Amino acid sequence: MPVDVQVRRVVQSGVRSFVKNNFVFIMPISQFDRTRIVALMQGGHAQAEVAQIVGVTQSAVSKTWKRFNDNNDVFDRRRKGCP
């Protein structure tokens, strides 16, 4: 699939992203959005529906929900490197 078609799909999907030099950069999910994802999932919504409401991909919802079930939190994990 040509790059311009892939770029158009991601940008039109409603995911927070921007395009620079034919590269798609997807913005990280905020703490507030991760909390919304967990609350909506606990409320019985489907992952696809939550993704559309929050404006993220379905895989981001799945990963956030899995992390919440494994660790009981949705906070940022510590990373190596400069602050």
C-alpha atoms as a PDB file:
ATOM      1  CA  MET A   1       0.000   0.000   0.000  1.00  0.00           C
ATOM      2  CA  PRO A   2       1.473   3.419  -0.927  1.00  0.00           C
ATOM      3  CA  VAL A   3       2.673   5.631   1.924  1.00  0.00           C
ATOM      4  CA  ASP A   4       0.257   8.482   1.137  1.00  0.00           C
ATOM      5  CA  VAL A   5      -2.730   6.110   1.476  1.00  0.00           C
ATOM      6  CA  GLN A   6      -1.446   4.857   4.851  1.00  0.00           C
ATOM      7  CA  VAL A   7      -0.879   8.423   6.042  1.00  0.00           C
ATOM      8  CA  ARG A   8      -4.381   9.442   4.976  1.00  0.00           C
ATOM      9  CA  ARG A   9      -5.915   6.459   6.818  1.00  0.00           C
ATOM     10  CA  VAL A  10      -4.189   7.265  10.117  1.00  0.00           C
ATOM     11  CA  VAL A  11      -4.958  10.986   9.947  1.00  0.00           C
ATOM     12  CA  GLN A  12      -8.610  10.406   9.010  1.00  0.00           C
ATOM     13  CA  SER A  13      -9.108   7.800  11.739  1.00  0.00           C
ATOM     14  CA  GLY A  14      -9.316  10.480  14.425  1.00  0.00           C
ATOM     15  CA  VAL A  15      -6.136   9.366  16.183  1.00  0.00           C
ATOM     16  CA  ARG A  16      -4.080  12.222  17.577  1.00  0.00           C
ATOM     17  CA  SER A  17      -1.263  12.368  15.062  1.00  0.00           C
ATOM     18  CA  PHE A  18       0.601  14.631  12.698  1.00  0.00           C
ATOM     19  CA  VAL A  19       2.481  14.108   9.452  1.00  0.00           C
ATOM     20  CA  LYS A  20       5.961  15.440   8.716  1.00  0.00           C
ATOM     21  CA  ASN A  21       7.910  14.459   5.595  1.00  0.00           C
ATOM     22  CA  ASN A  22       5.559  11.505   4.928  1.00  0.00           C
ATOM     23  CA  PHE A  23       6.134  10.121   8.430  1.00  0.00           C
ATOM     24  CA  VAL A  24       3.167   9.746  10.765  1.00  0.00           C
ATOM     25  CA  PHE A  25       3.846  10.684  14.369  1.00  0.00           C
ATOM     26  CA  ILE A  26       1.222   9.426  16.821  1.00  0.00           C
ATOM     27  CA  MET A  27       0.951  11.454  20.010  1.00  0.00           C
ATOM     28  CA  PRO A  28       1.303   9.652  23.358  1.00  0.00           C
ATOM     29  CA  ILE A  29      -1.815   9.083  25.443  1.00  0.00           C
ATOM     30  CA  SER A  30      -2.247  11.446  28.393  1.00  0.00           C
ATOM     31  CA  GLN A  31      -2.872  10.315  31.956  1.00  0.00           C
ATOM     32  CA  PHE A  32      -6.396  11.748  31.720  1.00  0.00           C
ATOM     33  CA  ASP A  33      -7.163   9.697  28.583  1.00  0.00           C
ATOM     34  CA  ARG A  34      -5.806   6.489  30.147  1.00  0.00           C
ATOM     35  CA  THR A  35      -8.082   7.069  33.133  1.00  0.00           C
ATOM     36  CA  ARG A  36     -11.045   7.652  30.781  1.00  0.00           C
ATOM     37  CA  ILE A  37     -10.225   4.416  28.946  1.00  0.00           C
ATOM     38  CA  VAL A  38     -10.273   2.408  32.183  1.00  0.00           C
ATOM     39  CA  ALA A  39     -13.495   4.061  33.366  1.00  0.00           C
ATOM     40  CA  LEU A  40     -15.265   3.389  30.055  1.00  0.00           C
ATOM     41  CA  MET A  41     -14.046  -0.214  29.950  1.00  0.00           C
ATOM     42  CA  GLN A  42     -15.254  -0.764  33.532  1.00  0.00           C
ATOM     43  CA  GLY A  43     -18.577   0.704  32.434  1.00  0.00           C
ATOM     44  CA  GLY A  44     -19.008  -2.131  29.958  1.00  0.00           C
ATOM     45  CA  HIS A  45     -18.119  -0.405  26.678  1.00  0.00           C
ATOM     46  CA  ALA A  46     -16.384  -2.343  23.890  1.00  0.00           C
ATOM     47  CA  GLN A  47     -12.736  -1.575  23.064  1.00  0.00           C
ATOM     48  CA  ALA A  48     -13.591  -0.257  19.599  1.00  0.00           C
ATOM     49  CA  GLU A  49     -16.241   2.039  21.043  1.00  0.00           C
ATOM     50  CA  VAL A  50     -13.850   3.347  23.723  1.00  0.00           C
ATOM     51  CA  ALA A  51     -11.180   3.968  21.075  1.00  0.00           C
ATOM     52  CA  GLN A  52     -13.591   6.046  19.036  1.00  0.00           C
ATOM     53  CA  ILE A  53     -14.790   8.054  22.060  1.00  0.00           C
ATOM     54  CA  VAL A  54     -11.301   8.838  23.368  1.00  0.00           C
ATOM     55  CA  GLY A  55      -9.696   9.271  19.935  1.00  0.00           C
ATOM     56  CA  VAL A  56      -7.006   6.614  20.149  1.00  0.00           C
ATOM     57  CA  THR A  57      -6.385   3.321  18.399  1.00  0.00           C
ATOM     58  CA  GLN A  58      -8.032   0.088  19.524  1.00  0.00           C
ATOM     59  CA  SER A  59      -4.613  -1.392  20.268  1.00  0.00           C
ATOM     60  CA  ALA A  60      -3.866   1.514  22.643  1.00  0.00           C
ATOM     61  CA  VAL A  61      -7.108   0.770  24.485  1.00  0.00           C
ATOM     62  CA  SER A  62      -6.206  -2.916  24.634  1.00  0.00           C
ATOM     63  CA  LYS A  63      -2.710  -2.214  26.001  1.00  0.00           C
ATOM     64  CA  THR A  64      -4.002   0.275  28.571  1.00  0.00           C
ATOM     65  CA  TRP A  65      -6.714  -2.133  29.734  1.00  0.00           C
ATOM     66  CA  LYS A  66      -4.220  -5.015  29.973  1.00  0.00           C
ATOM     67  CA  ARG A  67      -1.767  -2.881  31.961  1.00  0.00           C
ATOM     68  CA  PHE A  68      -4.566  -1.852  34.323  1.00  0.00           C
ATOM     69  CA  ASN A  69      -5.600  -5.484  34.871  1.00  0.00           C
ATOM     70  CA  ASP A  70      -1.982  -6.584  35.448  1.00  0.00           C
ATOM     71  CA  ASN A  71      -0.800  -3.720  37.687  1.00  0.00           C
ATOM     72  CA  ASN A  72      -3.972  -1.984  38.914  1.00  0.00           C
ATOM     73  CA  ASP A  73      -2.661   1.390  37.722  1.00  0.00           C
ATOM     74  CA  VAL A  74      -2.388   3.403  34.524  1.00  0.00           C
ATOM     75  CA  PHE A  75       0.497   5.688  35.455  1.00  0.00           C
ATOM     76  CA  ASP A  76       3.523   6.286  33.245  1.00  0.00           C
ATOM     77  CA  ARG A  77       6.261   3.746  33.724  1.00  0.00           C
ATOM     78  CA  ARG A  78       9.768   4.843  34.637  1.00  0.00           C
ATOM     79  CA  ARG A  79      12.091   5.098  31.671  1.00  0.00           C
ATOM     80  CA  LYS A  80      15.828   5.339  31.256  1.00  0.00           C
ATOM     81  CA  GLY A  81      17.432   8.536  30.097  1.00  0.00           C
ATOM     82  CA  CYS A  82      17.370  12.204  30.922  1.00  0.00           C
ATOM     83  CA  PRO A  83      14.228  13.638  32.480  1.00  0.00           C
END
